Amino acid sequence: MKKPEWYDVLEPREAVIAGIVGLAVVWALTYYASHSGYVFWGYSPPQWKNLGTALILLGFAVPYCLVKWLVQRR
């Protein structure tokens, strides 16, 4: 059996594309919210920097995992 390479985690392509789209959408929403002064759960934008980073990372991870799971079930 072939030893997996680091880039094997980036398969299937559909999952990567879904993750990138999710990342772009969440990043844009987070960027807009931080510049408009949106208060999130009682925290102002300077206070929710770590929360915003977590949301951006989840914006990639959640669609990626869902699409990867759906593609594997086909």
PDB file of N, CA and C in Angstrom:
ATOM      1  N   MET A   1       0.832  -1.180   0.000  1.00  0.00           N
ATOM      2  CA  MET A   1       0.000   0.000   0.000  1.00  0.00           C
ATOM      3  C   MET A   1       0.878   1.245   0.000  1.00  0.00           C
ATOM      4  N   LYS A   2       0.471   2.229  -0.806  1.00  0.00           N
ATOM      5  CA  LYS A   2       1.235   3.462  -0.935  1.00  0.00           C
ATOM      6  C   LYS A   2       1.097   4.330   0.317  1.00  0.00           C
ATOM      7  N   LYS A   3       2.222   4.905   0.744  1.00  0.00           N
ATOM      8  CA  LYS A   3       2.202   5.798   1.902  1.00  0.00           C
ATOM      9  C   LYS A   3       1.474   7.088   1.508  1.00  0.00           C
ATOM     10  N   PRO A   4       0.487   7.523   2.316  1.00  0.00           N
ATOM     11  CA  PRO A   4      -0.243   8.753   1.980  1.00  0.00           C
ATOM     12  C   PRO A   4       0.670   9.974   2.005  1.00  0.00           C
ATOM     13  N   GLU A   5       0.446  10.868   1.079  1.00  0.00           N
ATOM     14  CA  GLU A   5       1.186  12.126   1.024  1.00  0.00           C
ATOM     15  C   GLU A   5       0.388  13.212   1.733  1.00  0.00           C
ATOM     16  N   TRP A   6       1.014  14.348   2.004  1.00  0.00           N
ATOM     17  CA  TRP A   6       0.345  15.426   2.720  1.00  0.00           C
ATOM     18  C   TRP A   6      -0.834  15.978   1.939  1.00  0.00           C
ATOM     19  N   TYR A   7      -0.737  15.957   0.613  1.00  0.00           N
ATOM     20  CA  TYR A   7      -1.802  16.544  -0.205  1.00  0.00           C
ATOM     21  C   TYR A   7      -2.981  15.603  -0.408  1.00  0.00           C
ATOM     22  N   ASP A   8      -2.886  14.372   0.066  1.00  0.00           N
ATOM     23  CA  ASP A   8      -4.005  13.442  -0.057  1.00  0.00           C
ATOM     24  C   ASP A   8      -5.215  13.900   0.759  1.00  0.00           C
ATOM     25  N   VAL A   9      -4.973  14.736   1.775  1.00  0.00           N
ATOM     26  CA  VAL A   9      -6.079  15.240   2.584  1.00  0.00           C
ATOM     27  C   VAL A   9      -6.935  16.218   1.771  1.00  0.00           C
ATOM     28  N   LEU A  10      -6.401  16.750   0.684  1.00  0.00           N
ATOM     29  CA  LEU A  10      -7.123  17.710  -0.140  1.00  0.00           C
ATOM     30  C   LEU A  10      -7.980  17.039  -1.217  1.00  0.00           C
ATOM     31  N   GLU A  11      -8.297  15.806  -1.048  1.00  0.00           N
ATOM     32  CA  GLU A  11      -9.189  15.103  -1.967  1.00  0.00           C
ATOM     33  C   GLU A  11     -10.494  14.846  -1.265  1.00  0.00           C
ATOM     34  N   PRO A  12     -11.581  14.804  -1.861  1.00  0.00           N
ATOM     35  CA  PRO A  12     -11.871  15.088  -3.265  1.00  0.00           C
ATOM     36  C   PRO A  12     -11.929  16.590  -3.534  1.00  0.00           C
ATOM     37  N   ARG A  13     -11.790  16.938  -4.788  1.00  0.00           N
ATOM     38  CA  ARG A  13     -11.760  18.343  -5.186  1.00  0.00           C
ATOM     39  C   ARG A  13     -13.033  19.086  -4.807  1.00  0.00           C
ATOM     40  N   GLU A  14     -14.172  18.406  -4.883  1.00  0.00           N
ATOM     41  CA  GLU A  14     -15.446  19.056  -4.559  1.00  0.00           C
ATOM     42  C   GLU A  14     -15.458  19.566  -3.120  1.00  0.00           C
ATOM     43  N   ALA A  15     -14.859  18.781  -2.214  1.00  0.00           N
ATOM     44  CA  ALA A  15     -14.818  19.167  -0.805  1.00  0.00           C
ATOM     45  C   ALA A  15     -13.933  20.392  -0.602  1.00  0.00           C
ATOM     46  N   VAL A  16     -12.826  20.442  -1.315  1.00  0.00           N
ATOM     47  CA  VAL A  16     -11.928  21.591  -1.195  1.00  0.00           C
ATOM     48  C   VAL A  16     -12.614  22.851  -1.724  1.00  0.00           C
ATOM     49  N   ILE A  17     -13.308  22.716  -2.854  1.00  0.00           N
ATOM     50  CA  ILE A  17     -14.010  23.860  -3.429  1.00  0.00           C
ATOM     51  C   ILE A  17     -15.099  24.345  -2.473  1.00  0.00           C
ATOM     52  N   ALA A  18     -15.855  23.421  -1.888  1.00  0.00           N
ATOM     53  CA  ALA A  18     -16.896  23.799  -0.924  1.00  0.00           C
ATOM     54  C   ALA A  18     -16.282  24.488   0.282  1.00  0.00           C
ATOM     55  N   GLY A  19     -15.143  23.999   0.753  1.00  0.00           N
ATOM     56  CA  GLY A  19     -14.464  24.628   1.880  1.00  0.00           C
ATOM     57  C   GLY A  19     -13.998  26.031   1.565  1.00  0.00           C
ATOM     58  N   ILE A  20     -13.460  26.224   0.371  1.00  0.00           N
ATOM     59  CA  ILE A  20     -12.988  27.561  -0.027  1.00  0.00           C
ATOM     60  C   ILE A  20     -14.158  28.530  -0.159  1.00  0.00           C
ATOM     61  N   VAL A  21     -15.261  28.071  -0.734  1.00  0.00           N
ATOM     62  CA  VAL A  21     -16.447  28.925  -0.849  1.00  0.00           C
ATOM     63  C   VAL A  21     -16.968  29.284   0.545  1.00  0.00           C
ATOM     64  N   GLY A  22     -17.053  28.290   1.434  1.00  0.00           N
ATOM     65  CA  GLY A  22     -17.488  28.556   2.804  1.00  0.00           C
ATOM     66  C   GLY A  22     -16.559  29.526   3.510  1.00  0.00           C
ATOM     67  N   LEU A  23     -15.261  29.358   3.317  1.00  0.00           N
ATOM     68  CA  LEU A  23     -14.269  30.252   3.904  1.00  0.00           C
ATOM     69  C   LEU A  23     -14.467  31.679   3.406  1.00  0.00           C
ATOM     70  N   ALA A  24     -14.673  31.839   2.108  1.00  0.00           N
ATOM     71  CA  ALA A  24     -14.854  33.178   1.529  1.00  0.00           C
ATOM     72  C   ALA A  24     -16.110  33.848   2.072  1.00  0.00           C
ATOM     73  N   VAL A  25     -17.187  33.094   2.170  1.00  0.00           N
ATOM     74  CA  VAL A  25     -18.446  33.659   2.663  1.00  0.00           C
ATOM     75  C   VAL A  25     -18.316  34.071   4.128  1.00  0.00           C
ATOM     76  N   VAL A  26     -17.783  33.185   4.951  1.00  0.00           N
ATOM     77  CA  VAL A  26     -17.664  33.497   6.383  1.00  0.00           C
ATOM     78  C   VAL A  26     -16.663  34.618   6.616  1.00  0.00           C
ATOM     79  N   TRP A  27     -15.566  34.630   5.853  1.00  0.00           N
ATOM     80  CA  TRP A  27     -14.585  35.706   6.007  1.00  0.00           C
ATOM     81  C   TRP A  27     -15.215  37.042   5.651  1.00  0.00           C
ATOM     82  N   ALA A  28     -15.963  37.082   4.551  1.00  0.00           N
ATOM     83  CA  ALA A  28     -16.602  38.339   4.142  1.00  0.00           C
ATOM     84  C   ALA A  28     -17.605  38.814   5.195  1.00  0.00           C
ATOM     85  N   LEU A  29     -18.410  37.891   5.721  1.00  0.00           N
ATOM     86  CA  LEU A  29     -19.379  38.268   6.749  1.00  0.00           C
ATOM     87  C   LEU A  29     -18.692  38.741   8.032  1.00  0.00           C
ATOM     88  N   THR A  30     -17.623  38.069   8.421  1.00  0.00           N
ATOM     89  CA  THR A  30     -16.883  38.456   9.625  1.00  0.00           C
ATOM     90  C   THR A  30     -16.213  39.818   9.429  1.00  0.00           C
ATOM     91  N   TYR A  31     -15.658  40.027   8.251  1.00  0.00           N
ATOM     92  CA  TYR A  31     -15.014  41.306   7.941  1.00  0.00           C
ATOM     93  C   TYR A  31     -16.039  42.444   7.989  1.00  0.00           C
ATOM     94  N   TYR A  32     -17.194  42.206   7.375  1.00  0.00           N
ATOM     95  CA  TYR A  32     -18.255  43.218   7.393  1.00  0.00           C
ATOM     96  C   TYR A  32     -18.734  43.489   8.817  1.00  0.00           C
ATOM     97  N   ALA A  33     -18.929  42.432   9.581  1.00  0.00           N
ATOM     98  CA  ALA A  33     -19.419  42.598  10.957  1.00  0.00           C
ATOM     99  C   ALA A  33     -18.413  43.363  11.809  1.00  0.00           C
ATOM    100  N   SER A  34     -17.128  43.096  11.614  1.00  0.00           N
ATOM    101  CA  SER A  34     -16.129  43.788  12.429  1.00  0.00           C
ATOM    102  C   SER A  34     -16.029  45.265  12.059  1.00  0.00           C
ATOM    103  N   HIS A  35     -16.231  45.598  10.781  1.00  0.00           N
ATOM    104  CA  HIS A  35     -16.135  46.993  10.367  1.00  0.00           C
ATOM    105  C   HIS A  35     -17.424  47.780  10.596  1.00  0.00           C
ATOM    106  N   SER A  36     -18.537  47.093  10.732  1.00  0.00           N
ATOM    107  CA  SER A  36     -19.789  47.802  10.994  1.00  0.00           C
ATOM    108  C   SER A  36     -20.049  47.936  12.492  1.00  0.00           C
ATOM    109  N   GLY A  37     -19.187  47.333  13.311  1.00  0.00           N
ATOM    110  CA  GLY A  37     -19.326  47.450  14.757  1.00  0.00           C
ATOM    111  C   GLY A  37     -20.372  46.519  15.340  1.00  0.00           C
ATOM    112  N   TYR A  38     -20.628  45.406  14.668  1.00  0.00           N
ATOM    113  CA  TYR A  38     -21.636  44.456  15.128  1.00  0.00           C
ATOM    114  C   TYR A  38     -21.227  43.872  16.477  1.00  0.00           C
ATOM    115  N   VAL A  39     -22.140  43.855  17.423  1.00  0.00           N
ATOM    116  CA  VAL A  39     -21.883  43.301  18.751  1.00  0.00           C
ATOM    117  C   VAL A  39     -22.389  41.863  18.770  1.00  0.00           C
ATOM    118  N   PHE A  40     -21.473  40.929  18.982  1.00  0.00           N
ATOM    119  CA  PHE A  40     -21.767  39.501  18.892  1.00  0.00           C
ATOM    120  C   PHE A  40     -21.749  38.908  20.290  1.00  0.00           C
ATOM    121  N   TRP A  41     -22.894  38.465  20.782  1.00  0.00           N
ATOM    122  CA  TRP A  41     -23.043  37.890  22.123  1.00  0.00           C
ATOM    123  C   TRP A  41     -22.503  38.811  23.204  1.00  0.00           C
ATOM    124  N   GLY A  42     -22.704  40.129  23.019  1.00  0.00           N
ATOM    125  CA  GLY A  42     -22.258  41.089  24.011  1.00  0.00           C
ATOM    126  C   GLY A  42     -20.808  41.502  23.881  1.00  0.00           C
ATOM    127  N   TYR A  43     -20.108  41.002  22.869  1.00  0.00           N
ATOM    128  CA  TYR A  43     -18.697  41.349  22.668  1.00  0.00           C
ATOM    129  C   TYR A  43     -18.573  42.272  21.461  1.00  0.00           C
ATOM    130  N   SER A  44     -17.798  43.330  21.602  1.00  0.00           N
ATOM    131  CA  SER A  44     -17.543  44.229  20.487  1.00  0.00           C
ATOM    132  C   SER A  44     -16.434  43.638  19.611  1.00  0.00           C
ATOM    133  N   PRO A  45     -16.275  44.127  18.373  1.00  0.00           N
ATOM    134  CA  PRO A  45     -15.287  43.544  17.446  1.00  0.00           C
ATOM    135  C   PRO A  45     -13.874  43.378  17.996  1.00  0.00           C
ATOM    136  N   PRO A  46     -13.305  44.355  18.748  1.00  0.00           N
ATOM    137  CA  PRO A  46     -11.957  44.102  19.272  1.00  0.00           C
ATOM    138  C   PRO A  46     -11.916  42.931  20.262  1.00  0.00           C
ATOM    139  N   GLN A  47     -13.028  42.658  20.933  1.00  0.00           N
ATOM    140  CA  GLN A  47     -13.060  41.588  21.925  1.00  0.00           C
ATOM    141  C   GLN A  47     -13.302  40.215  21.306  1.00  0.00           C
ATOM    142  N   TRP A  48     -13.872  40.142  20.084  1.00  0.00           N
ATOM    143  CA  TRP A  48     -14.162  38.819  19.534  1.00  0.00           C
ATOM    144  C   TRP A  48     -13.222  38.425  18.409  1.00  0.00           C
ATOM    145  N   LYS A  49     -11.976  38.876  18.501  1.00  0.00           N
ATOM    146  CA  LYS A  49     -10.991  38.514  17.482  1.00  0.00           C
ATOM    147  C   LYS A  49     -10.778  37.001  17.432  1.00  0.00           C
ATOM    148  N   ASN A  50     -10.608  36.354  18.577  1.00  0.00           N
ATOM    149  CA  ASN A  50     -10.404  34.900  18.589  1.00  0.00           C
ATOM    150  C   ASN A  50     -11.652  34.162  18.132  1.00  0.00           C
ATOM    151  N   LEU A  51     -12.818  34.658  18.503  1.00  0.00           N
ATOM    152  CA  LEU A  51     -14.069  34.057  18.056  1.00  0.00           C
ATOM    153  C   LEU A  51     -14.216  34.195  16.545  1.00  0.00           C
ATOM    154  N   GLY A  52     -13.854  35.350  16.016  1.00  0.00           N
ATOM    155  CA  GLY A  52     -13.900  35.560  14.565  1.00  0.00           C
ATOM    156  C   GLY A  52     -12.962  34.617  13.835  1.00  0.00           C
ATOM    157  N   THR A  53     -11.774  34.400  14.386  1.00  0.00           N
ATOM    158  CA  THR A  53     -10.822  33.463  13.784  1.00  0.00           C
ATOM    159  C   THR A  53     -11.376  32.048  13.793  1.00  0.00           C
ATOM    160  N   ALA A  54     -11.995  31.653  14.886  1.00  0.00           N
ATOM    161  CA  ALA A  54     -12.595  30.319  14.968  1.00  0.00           C
ATOM    162  C   ALA A  54     -13.732  30.173  13.963  1.00  0.00           C
ATOM    163  N   LEU A  55     -14.545  31.210  13.811  1.00  0.00           N
ATOM    164  CA  LEU A  55     -15.636  31.163  12.835  1.00  0.00           C
ATOM    165  C   LEU A  55     -15.103  31.028  11.413  1.00  0.00           C
ATOM    166  N   ILE A  56     -14.019  31.743  11.109  1.00  0.00           N
ATOM    167  CA  ILE A  56     -13.429  31.663   9.774  1.00  0.00           C
ATOM    168  C   ILE A  56     -12.898  30.251   9.517  1.00  0.00           C
ATOM    169  N   LEU A  57     -12.215  29.667  10.499  1.00  0.00           N
ATOM    170  CA  LEU A  57     -11.701  28.305  10.330  1.00  0.00           C
ATOM    171  C   LEU A  57     -12.836  27.301  10.180  1.00  0.00           C
ATOM    172  N   LEU A  58     -13.891  27.472  10.962  1.00  0.00           N
ATOM    173  CA  LEU A  58     -15.053  26.589  10.827  1.00  0.00           C
ATOM    174  C   LEU A  58     -15.760  26.800   9.493  1.00  0.00           C
ATOM    175  N   GLY A  59     -15.651  28.003   8.937  1.00  0.00           N
ATOM    176  CA  GLY A  59     -16.231  28.283   7.628  1.00  0.00           C
ATOM    177  C   GLY A  59     -15.617  27.429   6.547  1.00  0.00           C
ATOM    178  N   PHE A  60     -14.367  27.016   6.713  1.00  0.00           N
ATOM    179  CA  PHE A  60     -13.755  26.073   5.776  1.00  0.00           C
ATOM    180  C   PHE A  60     -14.023  24.635   6.192  1.00  0.00           C
ATOM    181  N   ALA A  61     -13.837  24.341   7.450  1.00  0.00           N
ATOM    182  CA  ALA A  61     -13.872  22.953   7.921  1.00  0.00           C
ATOM    183  C   ALA A  61     -15.246  22.306   7.789  1.00  0.00           C
ATOM    184  N   VAL A  62     -16.302  23.020   8.125  1.00  0.00           N
ATOM    185  CA  VAL A  62     -17.642  22.422   8.111  1.00  0.00           C
ATOM    186  C   VAL A  62     -18.081  22.046   6.691  1.00  0.00           C
ATOM    187  N   PRO A  63     -18.031  22.982   5.704  1.00  0.00           N
ATOM    188  CA  PRO A  63     -18.428  22.560   4.349  1.00  0.00           C
ATOM    189  C   PRO A  63     -17.505  21.485   3.783  1.00  0.00           C
ATOM    190  N   TYR A  64     -16.201  21.579   4.086  1.00  0.00           N
ATOM    191  CA  TYR A  64     -15.256  20.580   3.590  1.00  0.00           C
ATOM    192  C   TYR A  64     -15.622  19.189   4.096  1.00  0.00           C
ATOM    193  N   CYS A  65     -15.856  19.067   5.395  1.00  0.00           N
ATOM    194  CA  CYS A  65     -16.182  17.757   5.976  1.00  0.00           C
ATOM    195  C   CYS A  65     -17.525  17.236   5.473  1.00  0.00           C
ATOM    196  N   LEU A  66     -18.511  18.104   5.371  1.00  0.00           N
ATOM    197  CA  LEU A  66     -19.823  17.662   4.887  1.00  0.00           C
ATOM    198  C   LEU A  66     -19.766  17.163   3.449  1.00  0.00           C
ATOM    199  N   VAL A  67     -19.109  17.916   2.575  1.00  0.00           N
ATOM    200  CA  VAL A  67     -19.034  17.500   1.174  1.00  0.00           C
ATOM    201  C   VAL A  67     -18.168  16.261   1.030  1.00  0.00           C
ATOM    202  N   LYS A  68     -17.087  16.162   1.790  1.00  0.00           N
ATOM    203  CA  LYS A  68     -16.248  14.962   1.730  1.00  0.00           C
ATOM    204  C   LYS A  68     -17.053  13.738   2.157  1.00  0.00           C
ATOM    205  N   TRP A  69     -17.857  13.883   3.185  1.00  0.00           N
ATOM    206  CA  TRP A  69     -18.696  12.780   3.651  1.00  0.00           C
ATOM    207  C   TRP A  69     -19.727  12.411   2.588  1.00  0.00           C
ATOM    208  N   LEU A  70     -20.356  13.418   1.989  1.00  0.00           N
ATOM    209  CA  LEU A  70     -21.357  13.148   0.954  1.00  0.00           C
ATOM    210  C   LEU A  70     -20.743  12.478  -0.269  1.00  0.00           C
ATOM    211  N   VAL A  71     -19.552  12.912  -0.682  1.00  0.00           N
ATOM    212  CA  VAL A  71     -18.893  12.321  -1.838  1.00  0.00           C
ATOM    213  C   VAL A  71     -18.506  10.872  -1.556  1.00  0.00           C
ATOM    214  N   GLN A  72     -18.066  10.583  -0.357  1.00  0.00           N
ATOM    215  CA  GLN A  72     -17.684   9.211  -0.005  1.00  0.00           C
ATOM    216  C   GLN A  72     -18.900   8.297   0.059  1.00  0.00           C
ATOM    217  N   ARG A  73     -20.074   8.835   0.358  1.00  0.00           N
ATOM    218  CA  ARG A  73     -21.286   8.020   0.436  1.00  0.00           C
ATOM    219  C   ARG A  73     -21.829   7.666  -0.943  1.00  0.00           C
ATOM    220  N   ARG A  74     -21.395   8.391  -1.987  1.00  0.00           N
ATOM    221  CA  ARG A  74     -21.878   8.105  -3.344  1.00  0.00           C
ATOM    222  C   ARG A  74     -21.452   6.766  -3.814  1.00  0.00           C
TER     223      ARG A  74
END
